[in-house]
Amino acid sequence: MALPLLLDDALVATESGFALRVSLPWIRSMPVASVTDIAVQVDGSPVPVAVRLDEREVEPDALHAEQGWWFIQDRLELRGERMLPPGAHDISVSFVLVVPYLQAGPSGPLCLPFRAERALELGDAASVRPHSTAGRTSGREPAGAAQDDAPGDWIVSASAFNWTPEVIRAERTADDIAIGVVADGVASTIEIEAGQVWRSFPEPSDVDVDAFRERLASAGGAVTIVGASLDDWISPTARRTEQERLAFLVPQLRAAARLGARGVRVPFGQAGPGLLRLAQPVLHELGVVLYEEIQGQQTLDLPAVAANLELLQGLDDPRVRVLVDISLLMPSLPPSYLDELRRGGVDEELVRRLETEWRAPATHQAVIAALREGRVPPAVHTLFMNLLVRFGRSDVADLEPLLPLTAGVHLKFWDLDDADGRVSAPIADIGAALRRTGFTGTLTSEWGGHEWLDADPAATTRAHLALAQRALSAVGTAR
């Protein structure tokens, strides 16, 4: 995602040189060992750096052996032994982030290159906040959650994920931001991301969970679903065994149960038959649901998707359910996204085609051809990949086999331009379809457009919730 690496106060002087404090450009905390190939330039010249972890300095090539985590609100502090004069300096930083829960092909995890260049004013080392160094293994900052709503209700919630850019800026703590969704009256129930809220992720401590639950209960709120993670890869070459995957997941299940949430969410098909069968007794013991989220360009005619659906149907376990993200059901592309592609230099003919013929198979082929032929400018390459991953072309009728298993919905939106019902129609469609199946779950406003839009998340989420309520009321489903 296009999230900031270098904030305004990233460059500070130290007694022996400088520190460059790099923000994590991702949506959840990551293992420190997932950071590779670090390179820094100052005023056009390469500068060797060491990574500051707690009170130690570690060579970048040695990070693979570290056990700590880069909490989403912390900075990874890179220290250089070069004294810099006061004033502005042209800074460049690059690294590769190994994403341990996303696979790239059959042999390893997704590895994403990140790079940022900007002029930064040299600040004072005193501006480094005590909690701004990555690599710590636990934390004890408070936050909250509460009791669940009665089964059978249609609960319309907001996702704290909508505030991700604010979480990364770290002007408030992540738990303050999540609780603020309720305290500020945006919604009374929320989804949270375990890897955003708890510094002790991926093994949320009882202290962290209890503090969050108590504070959110005091604000009058409840958590519906916790976004969990399955980090299948220990390193770019080592994959976890099924028992190790279970051991990674279970602390997150226990945290969700302690929080009073209905369950946890993982990607559709990622668990697989082995882990699902290992997890079933734990799910029943804790009384929580494992939601498998299907989204974007996943379709039921894909062999892996069809096989996983057959597995879930065979299990027929109320503790293993489906969560449908309506990014599957996009009648057209967000105008704000198309504008961003234009600004990034994508060929106007292709952009017009995306604008008018999004669902045509030939348009999909044109997108693939543009990538293969190198016609996508590097600055928008990651954004462009949404066309192949995050934006779907299905109709609600295509989802019929999923609906009896569906217990949650993400009302995904990118911007609020509802011309021709591009935002509201998929909400009404999925609502009408679920009403026919006796759905008893949650529907959550989830904003994906913060990847390219600089908008107020509270105002944006409020407006979307109002739009969603109108769309659901029109088909007789809203509470």
Protein backbone atom coordinates (compact mmCIF):
# COMPACT_ATOMS: atom_id res chain seq x y z
CA MET A 1 0.00 0.00 0.00
CA ALA A 2 1.10 3.57 -0.64
CA LEU A 3 1.73 4.47 2.99
CA PRO A 4 4.45 6.88 4.15
CA LEU A 5 8.01 5.75 4.92
CA LEU A 6 9.45 9.14 5.88
CA LEU A 7 7.46 11.52 8.04
CA ASP A 8 8.47 15.16 8.50
CA ASP A 9 10.51 14.41 11.64
CA ALA A 10 12.29 11.31 10.27
CA LEU A 11 15.83 12.75 10.27
CA VAL A 12 17.52 13.65 13.56
CA ALA A 13 21.08 14.35 14.70
CA THR A 14 22.86 12.05 17.14
CA GLU A 15 26.16 12.41 19.04
CA SER A 16 27.99 10.43 16.37
CA GLY A 17 26.01 11.17 13.24
CA PHE A 18 22.34 10.88 12.39
CA ALA A 19 19.31 8.65 12.82
CA LEU A 20 16.75 8.08 10.09
CA ARG A 21 13.45 6.90 11.55
CA VAL A 22 11.50 4.92 8.98
CA SER A 23 7.76 4.27 9.28
CA LEU A 24 6.36 0.85 8.47
CA PRO A 25 4.54 1.16 5.11
CA TRP A 26 2.16 -1.69 5.81
CA ILE A 27 -1.22 -2.38 7.41
CA ARG A 28 -0.02 -4.41 10.42
CA SER A 29 3.03 -5.05 12.52
CA MET A 30 5.76 -7.17 10.93
CA PRO A 31 8.70 -9.29 12.13
CA VAL A 32 11.93 -7.30 12.20
CA ALA A 33 13.45 -10.26 10.37
CA SER A 34 11.20 -9.50 7.38
CA VAL A 35 13.23 -6.38 6.51
CA THR A 36 16.05 -6.95 4.03
CA ASP A 37 18.32 -5.04 1.62
CA ILE A 38 18.34 -1.74 3.51
CA ALA A 39 20.08 1.12 1.69
CA VAL A 40 20.35 4.82 2.63
CA GLN A 41 21.66 7.79 0.69
CA VAL A 42 22.22 11.27 2.09
CA ASP A 43 22.62 14.13 -0.40
CA GLY A 44 23.26 11.64 -3.17
CA SER A 45 25.93 9.57 -1.40
CA PRO A 46 25.44 6.05 0.05
CA VAL A 47 25.86 5.90 3.83
CA PRO A 48 26.33 2.66 5.80
CA VAL A 49 23.77 2.31 8.59
CA ALA A 50 23.07 0.08 11.57
CA VAL A 51 19.59 -0.74 12.86
CA ARG A 52 18.80 0.37 16.41
CA LEU A 53 16.81 -2.33 18.25
CA ASP A 54 16.07 -1.52 21.87
CA GLU A 55 19.52 -0.52 23.17
CA ARG A 56 21.47 -2.50 20.56
CA GLU A 57 22.73 -1.70 17.10
CA VAL A 58 22.41 -4.52 14.58
CA GLU A 59 23.89 -4.74 11.11
CA PRO A 60 21.15 -4.86 8.45
CA ASP A 61 22.39 -8.23 7.17
CA ALA A 62 21.87 -9.70 10.65
CA LEU A 63 18.18 -8.77 10.97
CA HIS A 64 17.12 -12.19 9.67
CA ALA A 65 18.17 -13.69 13.01
CA GLU A 66 16.15 -11.22 15.14
CA GLN A 67 13.02 -12.39 16.98
CA GLY A 68 11.44 -8.98 17.66
CA TRP A 69 8.60 -7.22 15.88
CA TRP A 70 8.26 -3.87 14.11
CA PHE A 71 5.11 -2.48 15.69
CA ILE A 72 3.06 -0.50 13.19
CA GLN A 73 3.36 2.75 15.17
CA ASP A 74 7.10 2.50 15.75
CA ARG A 75 9.94 3.72 13.54
CA LEU A 76 12.76 1.48 12.44
CA GLU A 77 15.74 3.60 13.44
CA LEU A 78 18.68 3.52 11.03
CA ARG A 79 21.86 5.05 12.46
CA GLY A 80 24.66 6.46 10.35
CA GLU A 81 28.13 7.52 11.52
CA ARG A 82 28.20 10.69 9.44
CA MET A 83 27.81 14.15 10.96
CA LEU A 84 25.35 16.27 9.02
CA PRO A 85 25.26 20.07 8.98
CA PRO A 86 22.04 21.78 10.09
CA GLY A 87 19.34 22.33 7.51
CA ALA A 88 17.66 20.27 4.80
CA HIS A 89 19.14 17.10 3.30
CA ASP A 90 18.05 14.96 0.36
CA ILE A 91 17.34 11.55 1.83
CA SER A 92 16.74 8.26 0.05
CA VAL A 93 15.88 4.99 1.78
CA SER A 94 15.00 1.64 0.30
CA PHE A 95 14.42 -1.88 1.58
CA VAL A 96 12.57 -5.08 0.78
CA LEU A 97 9.73 -6.23 3.03
CA VAL A 98 9.02 -9.96 3.17
CA VAL A 99 5.28 -10.37 3.81
CA PRO A 100 5.08 -13.68 5.72
CA TYR A 101 1.33 -14.17 5.37
CA LEU A 102 1.14 -13.61 1.59
CA GLN A 103 2.49 -16.19 -0.82
CA ALA A 104 4.08 -15.34 -4.18
CA GLY A 105 3.96 -18.46 -6.29
CA PRO A 106 4.62 -21.95 -4.92
CA SER A 107 8.04 -21.41 -3.41
CA GLY A 108 8.01 -18.45 -1.06
CA PRO A 109 6.35 -15.39 0.48
CA LEU A 110 5.65 -12.11 -1.25
CA CYS A 111 8.66 -9.75 -1.21
CA LEU A 112 7.91 -6.09 -1.86
CA PRO A 113 10.48 -3.36 -2.57
CA PHE A 114 9.91 0.03 -0.95
CA ARG A 115 11.71 3.28 -1.67
CA ALA A 116 11.23 6.87 -0.57
CA GLU A 117 13.05 10.07 -1.45
CA ARG A 118 12.45 13.48 0.08
CA ALA A 119 14.15 16.52 1.53
CA LEU A 120 14.19 16.44 5.34
CA GLU A 121 15.22 19.01 7.90
CA LEU A 122 17.76 17.72 10.39
CA GLY A 123 16.05 17.63 13.77
CA ASP A 124 17.23 17.33 17.35
CA ALA A 125 17.77 13.87 18.82
CA ALA A 126 15.61 14.94 21.77
CA SER A 127 12.62 14.71 19.45
CA VAL A 128 12.91 10.90 19.38
CA ARG A 129 10.00 9.57 21.41
CA PRO A 130 10.74 6.82 23.95
CA HIS A 131 8.51 4.29 22.13
CA SER A 132 9.79 5.03 18.63
CA THR A 133 12.27 2.17 18.24
CA ALA A 134 11.17 -1.08 16.56
CA GLY A 135 12.17 -4.52 17.72
CA ARG A 136 10.50 -4.70 21.09
CA THR A 137 8.73 -7.93 21.92
CA SER A 138 5.82 -6.66 24.03
CA GLY A 139 3.95 -3.58 25.17
CA ARG A 140 1.38 -2.56 27.71
CA GLU A 141 -0.63 0.33 26.27
CA PRO A 142 -4.34 0.20 27.18
CA ALA A 143 -7.42 0.00 24.92
CA GLY A 144 -10.87 -1.74 24.81
CA ALA A 145 -13.83 -3.94 23.67
CA ALA A 146 -17.13 -5.26 25.00
CA GLN A 147 -20.06 -7.66 24.94
CA ASP A 148 -21.41 -9.08 21.70
CA ASP A 149 -24.84 -8.40 20.23
CA ALA A 150 -27.55 -11.03 20.09
CA PRO A 151 -27.30 -13.64 17.32
CA GLY A 152 -29.79 -12.97 14.56
CA ASP A 153 -29.33 -9.21 14.49
CA TRP A 154 -27.90 -7.47 11.47
CA ILE A 155 -25.16 -5.36 12.99
CA VAL A 156 -23.70 -2.58 10.88
CA SER A 157 -20.20 -1.77 12.13
CA ALA A 158 -17.11 0.25 11.23
CA SER A 159 -13.63 -1.10 10.76
CA ALA A 160 -10.76 0.56 12.61
CA PHE A 161 -8.73 -0.37 9.52
CA ASN A 162 -10.21 2.77 7.94
CA TRP A 163 -7.86 4.79 10.16
CA THR A 164 -4.65 3.01 9.03
CA PRO A 165 -2.77 6.12 7.79
CA GLU A 166 -3.49 7.83 11.11
CA VAL A 167 -2.24 4.76 12.97
CA ILE A 168 1.05 4.94 11.07
CA ARG A 169 1.45 8.67 11.74
CA ALA A 170 1.29 7.72 15.44
CA GLU A 171 0.05 11.07 16.69
CA ARG A 172 -2.31 9.02 18.89
CA THR A 173 -1.86 5.45 20.08
CA ALA A 174 -3.46 2.75 17.97
CA ASP A 175 -5.84 1.75 20.73
CA ASP A 176 -6.91 5.38 21.27
CA ILE A 177 -7.70 5.59 17.56
CA ALA A 178 -9.76 2.38 17.58
CA ILE A 179 -11.66 3.32 20.73
CA GLY A 180 -12.21 6.79 19.29
CA VAL A 181 -14.36 5.24 16.54
CA VAL A 182 -16.88 4.45 19.28
CA ALA A 183 -16.19 7.38 21.61
CA ASP A 184 -16.66 9.86 18.75
CA GLY A 185 -19.99 8.30 17.79
CA VAL A 186 -18.98 6.93 14.40
CA ALA A 187 -20.21 3.43 15.29
CA SER A 188 -21.02 1.45 18.43
CA THR A 189 -19.45 -1.76 17.15
CA ILE A 190 -16.09 -2.09 15.41
CA GLU A 191 -13.76 -4.55 13.75
CA ILE A 192 -10.14 -4.27 14.77
CA GLU A 193 -6.84 -5.57 13.39
CA ALA A 194 -4.78 -7.51 15.94
CA GLY A 195 -1.59 -6.44 14.19
CA GLN A 196 -2.51 -2.77 14.51
CA VAL A 197 -3.94 -2.49 18.00
CA TRP A 198 -1.70 -4.66 20.21
CA ARG A 199 2.01 -4.16 20.58
CA SER A 200 2.17 -7.73 21.92
CA PHE A 201 0.90 -9.14 18.58
CA PRO A 202 1.06 -11.94 17.44
CA GLU A 203 0.58 -13.20 21.01
CA PRO A 204 -1.69 -10.53 22.50
CA SER A 205 -1.12 -10.37 26.24
CA ASP A 206 -4.00 -10.63 28.70
CA VAL A 207 -3.01 -7.21 30.02
CA ASP A 208 -3.32 -5.61 26.58
CA VAL A 209 -6.58 -7.36 25.76
CA ASP A 210 -8.21 -6.66 29.12
CA ALA A 211 -7.25 -2.99 29.04
CA PHE A 212 -8.68 -2.64 25.54
CA ARG A 213 -11.89 -4.43 26.51
CA GLU A 214 -12.41 -2.30 29.61
CA ARG A 215 -11.78 1.01 27.85
CA LEU A 216 -14.04 0.17 24.93
CA ALA A 217 -16.78 -1.04 27.25
CA SER A 218 -16.56 2.26 29.10
CA ALA A 219 -17.08 4.05 25.78
CA GLY A 220 -20.17 1.91 25.15
CA GLY A 221 -18.67 -0.15 22.35
CA ALA A 222 -18.09 -3.74 21.31
CA VAL A 223 -15.77 -5.58 18.94
CA THR A 224 -17.42 -7.81 16.36
CA ILE A 225 -14.48 -9.46 14.55
CA VAL A 226 -10.72 -9.37 15.03
CA GLY A 227 -8.56 -9.37 11.91
CA ALA A 228 -6.03 -12.13 12.54
CA SER A 229 -2.97 -13.24 10.58
CA LEU A 230 -1.51 -16.57 9.56
CA ASP A 231 2.20 -16.02 8.99
CA ASP A 232 2.93 -19.16 7.01
CA TRP A 233 6.56 -18.24 6.37
CA ILE A 234 9.25 -18.02 9.04
CA SER A 235 11.74 -16.79 6.44
CA PRO A 236 11.86 -16.44 2.64
CA THR A 237 12.74 -20.16 2.46
CA ALA A 238 11.26 -21.76 5.61
CA ARG A 239 7.56 -22.48 5.94
CA ARG A 240 5.76 -23.26 9.20
CA THR A 241 4.45 -26.76 9.81
CA GLU A 242 0.73 -27.23 10.47
CA GLN A 243 1.37 -27.41 14.23
CA GLU A 244 3.47 -24.24 14.06
CA ARG A 245 0.71 -22.50 12.10
CA LEU A 246 -1.79 -23.54 14.77
CA ALA A 247 0.53 -22.23 17.49
CA PHE A 248 0.72 -18.88 15.65
CA LEU A 249 -3.08 -18.64 15.33
CA VAL A 250 -4.26 -19.85 18.75
CA PRO A 251 -3.08 -16.80 20.78
CA GLN A 252 -5.11 -14.60 18.43
CA LEU A 253 -8.16 -16.84 18.89
CA ARG A 254 -7.78 -16.64 22.65
CA ALA A 255 -7.44 -12.86 22.51
CA ALA A 256 -10.64 -12.57 20.46
CA ALA A 257 -12.52 -14.75 22.95
CA ARG A 258 -11.21 -12.75 25.91
CA LEU A 259 -12.22 -9.57 24.11
CA GLY A 260 -15.79 -10.77 23.64
CA ALA A 261 -15.55 -10.74 19.85
CA ARG A 262 -17.51 -13.13 17.68
CA GLY A 263 -14.36 -14.45 16.08
CA VAL A 264 -11.32 -13.82 13.93
CA ARG A 265 -10.91 -13.24 10.20
CA VAL A 266 -8.34 -14.84 7.87
CA PRO A 267 -8.08 -14.98 4.07
CA PHE A 268 -10.31 -17.44 2.22
CA GLY A 269 -8.54 -20.75 1.73
CA GLN A 270 -5.35 -19.85 3.57
CA ALA A 271 -5.95 -22.14 6.54
CA GLY A 272 -6.48 -25.26 4.45
CA PRO A 273 -7.88 -28.63 5.58
CA GLY A 274 -5.05 -29.55 7.93
CA LEU A 275 -5.12 -26.38 10.01
CA LEU A 276 -8.91 -26.13 9.99
CA ARG A 277 -9.25 -29.57 11.50
CA LEU A 278 -6.60 -28.79 14.10
CA ALA A 279 -8.31 -25.49 14.95
CA GLN A 280 -11.88 -26.81 15.22
CA PRO A 281 -11.59 -28.08 18.81
CA VAL A 282 -10.04 -24.78 19.88
CA LEU A 283 -12.77 -22.78 18.18
CA HIS A 284 -15.46 -24.80 19.98
CA GLU A 285 -13.66 -24.60 23.31
CA LEU A 286 -13.37 -20.81 23.06
CA GLY A 287 -16.77 -20.23 21.46
CA VAL A 288 -15.42 -18.16 18.58
CA VAL A 289 -15.82 -18.30 14.81
CA LEU A 290 -13.06 -18.48 12.21
CA TYR A 291 -14.22 -16.31 9.30
CA GLU A 292 -12.64 -16.97 5.91
CA GLU A 293 -12.76 -13.76 3.87
CA ILE A 294 -13.28 -13.94 0.12
CA GLN A 295 -12.65 -10.75 -1.82
CA GLY A 296 -11.49 -8.96 -4.94
CA GLN A 297 -10.86 -11.19 -7.93
CA GLN A 298 -11.41 -14.51 -6.16
CA THR A 299 -14.18 -16.35 -8.01
CA LEU A 300 -15.84 -19.69 -7.44
CA ASP A 301 -14.67 -21.02 -10.79
CA LEU A 302 -11.02 -20.87 -9.65
CA PRO A 303 -9.95 -24.41 -8.66
CA ALA A 304 -8.45 -23.41 -5.31
CA VAL A 305 -11.53 -21.36 -4.36
CA ALA A 306 -13.92 -24.12 -5.43
CA ALA A 307 -11.94 -26.73 -3.48
CA ASN A 308 -11.98 -24.62 -0.32
CA LEU A 309 -15.72 -24.01 -0.62
CA GLU A 310 -16.24 -27.76 -0.92
CA LEU A 311 -14.10 -28.23 2.20
CA LEU A 312 -16.17 -25.72 4.20
CA GLN A 313 -19.41 -27.29 3.01
CA GLY A 314 -18.10 -30.69 4.06
CA LEU A 315 -17.09 -29.47 7.50
CA ASP A 316 -20.54 -27.90 8.00
CA ASP A 317 -19.25 -26.36 11.23
CA PRO A 318 -20.91 -23.18 12.57
CA ARG A 319 -17.52 -22.22 14.01
CA VAL A 320 -16.03 -22.00 10.50
CA ARG A 321 -17.87 -19.48 8.34
CA VAL A 322 -17.40 -17.23 5.30
CA LEU A 323 -16.99 -13.46 5.25
CA VAL A 324 -17.87 -11.88 1.89
CA ASP A 325 -16.09 -8.66 0.92
CA ILE A 326 -18.14 -6.80 -1.67
CA SER A 327 -15.02 -5.77 -3.52
CA LEU A 328 -16.10 -8.90 -5.41
CA LEU A 329 -19.08 -6.97 -6.79
CA MET A 330 -17.71 -3.81 -8.39
CA PRO A 331 -19.92 -2.56 -11.25
CA SER A 332 -17.31 0.08 -12.12
CA LEU A 333 -14.05 1.47 -10.81
CA PRO A 334 -13.77 4.35 -8.31
CA PRO A 335 -13.32 7.70 -10.12
CA SER A 336 -10.73 8.74 -7.54
CA TYR A 337 -8.67 5.66 -8.39
CA LEU A 338 -8.83 6.36 -12.12
CA ASP A 339 -7.76 9.94 -11.46
CA GLU A 340 -4.74 8.63 -9.55
CA LEU A 341 -3.76 6.40 -12.45
CA ARG A 342 -3.97 9.39 -14.79
CA ARG A 343 -1.81 11.50 -12.49
CA GLY A 344 0.67 8.65 -12.33
CA GLY A 345 1.10 8.58 -16.10
CA VAL A 346 -0.90 5.48 -17.07
CA ASP A 347 -1.85 5.51 -20.74
CA GLU A 348 -5.06 7.53 -21.21
CA GLU A 349 -6.54 5.04 -23.65
CA LEU A 350 -6.24 2.27 -21.05
CA VAL A 351 -7.68 4.50 -18.32
CA ARG A 352 -10.69 5.34 -20.51
CA ARG A 353 -11.18 1.64 -21.14
CA LEU A 354 -11.09 0.94 -17.42
CA GLU A 355 -13.60 3.73 -16.94
CA THR A 356 -16.15 2.48 -19.49
CA GLU A 357 -15.52 -1.26 -19.89
CA TRP A 358 -14.25 -2.43 -16.51
CA ARG A 359 -15.98 -5.82 -16.59
CA ALA A 360 -15.12 -6.73 -20.19
CA PRO A 361 -12.68 -9.69 -20.47
CA ALA A 362 -10.72 -7.73 -23.08
CA THR A 363 -10.10 -5.00 -20.49
CA HIS A 364 -8.57 -7.55 -18.14
CA GLN A 365 -6.28 -8.71 -20.94
CA ALA A 366 -5.28 -5.09 -21.65
CA VAL A 367 -4.30 -4.65 -17.99
CA ILE A 368 -2.09 -7.76 -18.09
CA ALA A 369 -0.54 -6.63 -21.38
CA ALA A 370 0.33 -3.20 -19.94
CA LEU A 371 2.19 -4.89 -17.08
CA ARG A 372 4.02 -7.39 -19.25
CA GLU A 373 5.08 -4.73 -21.73
CA GLY A 374 6.43 -2.39 -19.04
CA ARG A 375 3.89 0.34 -19.76
CA VAL A 376 2.98 0.93 -16.11
CA PRO A 377 5.02 3.77 -14.55
CA PRO A 378 6.97 2.57 -11.47
CA ALA A 379 5.38 5.24 -9.27
CA VAL A 380 1.93 3.65 -9.65
CA HIS A 381 2.93 0.02 -10.12
CA THR A 382 1.67 -1.10 -6.69
CA LEU A 383 -1.54 0.89 -7.10
CA PHE A 384 -2.05 -0.61 -10.56
CA MET A 385 -1.93 -4.14 -9.10
CA ASN A 386 -5.32 -3.51 -7.50
CA LEU A 387 -6.75 -4.18 -10.95
CA LEU A 388 -5.52 -7.77 -10.70
CA VAL A 389 -6.11 -8.43 -7.01
CA ARG A 390 -8.45 -6.14 -5.09
CA PHE A 391 -11.12 -5.13 -7.62
CA GLY A 392 -13.64 -7.82 -8.57
CA ARG A 393 -16.02 -8.34 -11.48
CA SER A 394 -18.55 -10.81 -10.03
CA ASP A 395 -22.33 -10.52 -9.74
CA VAL A 396 -24.18 -11.40 -6.55
CA ALA A 397 -25.72 -14.42 -8.32
CA ASP A 398 -22.21 -15.85 -8.64
CA LEU A 399 -21.98 -15.97 -4.83
CA GLU A 400 -25.11 -18.06 -4.20
CA PRO A 401 -23.16 -21.21 -3.13
CA LEU A 402 -21.34 -19.13 -0.50
CA LEU A 403 -24.36 -17.48 1.07
CA PRO A 404 -25.56 -20.34 3.34
CA LEU A 405 -22.10 -20.27 4.97
CA THR A 406 -21.82 -16.48 5.16
CA ALA A 407 -21.80 -14.92 8.63
CA GLY A 408 -20.06 -11.62 7.90
CA VAL A 409 -19.80 -9.02 5.16
CA HIS A 410 -17.31 -6.28 4.46
CA LEU A 411 -19.07 -3.37 2.82
CA LYS A 412 -15.85 -2.40 1.05
CA PHE A 413 -15.75 1.04 -0.54
CA TRP A 414 -13.02 3.16 -2.10
CA ASP A 415 -14.62 6.58 -2.44
CA LEU A 416 -18.14 7.96 -2.00
CA ASP A 417 -18.95 8.69 -5.64
CA ASP A 418 -22.21 6.76 -5.99
CA ALA A 419 -23.00 7.67 -9.60
CA ASP A 420 -25.09 4.87 -11.11
CA GLY A 421 -25.07 3.10 -7.73
CA ARG A 422 -21.43 2.04 -7.93
CA VAL A 423 -21.22 2.12 -4.11
CA SER A 424 -24.79 1.48 -2.98
CA ALA A 425 -25.94 -1.12 -5.52
CA PRO A 426 -23.56 -3.89 -4.36
CA ILE A 427 -24.67 -3.24 -0.75
CA ALA A 428 -28.33 -3.57 -1.68
CA ASP A 429 -27.62 -6.64 -3.80
CA ILE A 430 -25.76 -8.53 -1.10
CA GLY A 431 -28.33 -7.46 1.50
CA ALA A 432 -31.24 -8.80 -0.54
CA ALA A 433 -29.41 -12.06 -1.26
CA LEU A 434 -28.52 -12.61 2.40
CA ARG A 435 -32.04 -11.90 3.59
CA ARG A 436 -33.22 -14.88 1.54
CA THR A 437 -30.76 -17.18 3.36
CA GLY A 438 -31.63 -16.14 6.93
CA PHE A 439 -28.30 -14.37 7.47
CA THR A 440 -27.45 -13.55 11.11
CA GLY A 441 -24.15 -11.72 11.08
CA THR A 442 -22.26 -8.46 10.85
CA LEU A 443 -21.82 -5.97 8.03
CA THR A 444 -18.80 -3.71 8.35
CA SER A 445 -17.86 -0.49 6.59
CA GLU A 446 -14.30 -0.97 5.34
CA TRP A 447 -12.53 1.79 3.40
CA GLY A 448 -9.77 0.78 1.02
CA GLY A 449 -9.36 4.16 -0.66
CA HIS A 450 -6.99 5.60 1.93
CA GLU A 451 -4.29 4.04 -0.24
CA TRP A 452 -4.65 7.02 -2.57
CA LEU A 453 -7.11 9.45 -0.92
CA ASP A 454 -6.11 11.88 1.82
CA ALA A 455 -9.52 12.23 3.46
CA ASP A 456 -10.76 12.33 7.04
CA PRO A 457 -11.53 8.71 7.99
CA ALA A 458 -14.22 9.64 10.52
CA ALA A 459 -16.19 11.83 8.11
CA THR A 460 -15.71 9.33 5.29
CA THR A 461 -16.83 6.36 7.40
CA ARG A 462 -19.84 8.25 8.80
CA ALA A 463 -20.97 9.10 5.28
CA HIS A 464 -20.52 5.55 4.09
CA LEU A 465 -22.41 4.09 7.05
CA ALA A 466 -25.32 6.43 6.30
CA LEU A 467 -25.25 5.37 2.65
CA ALA A 468 -25.11 1.70 3.64
CA GLN A 469 -28.05 2.03 6.02
CA ARG A 470 -30.12 3.61 3.25
CA ALA A 471 -29.18 0.87 0.79
CA LEU A 472 -30.00 -1.89 3.28
CA SER A 473 -33.24 -0.25 4.37
CA ALA A 474 -34.35 -0.13 0.76
CA VAL A 475 -34.35 -3.94 0.69
CA GLY A 476 -35.73 -4.31 4.21
CA THR A 477 -32.59 -5.57 5.91
CA ALA A 478 -31.23 -2.76 8.08
CA ARG A 479 -31.66 -2.82 11.81
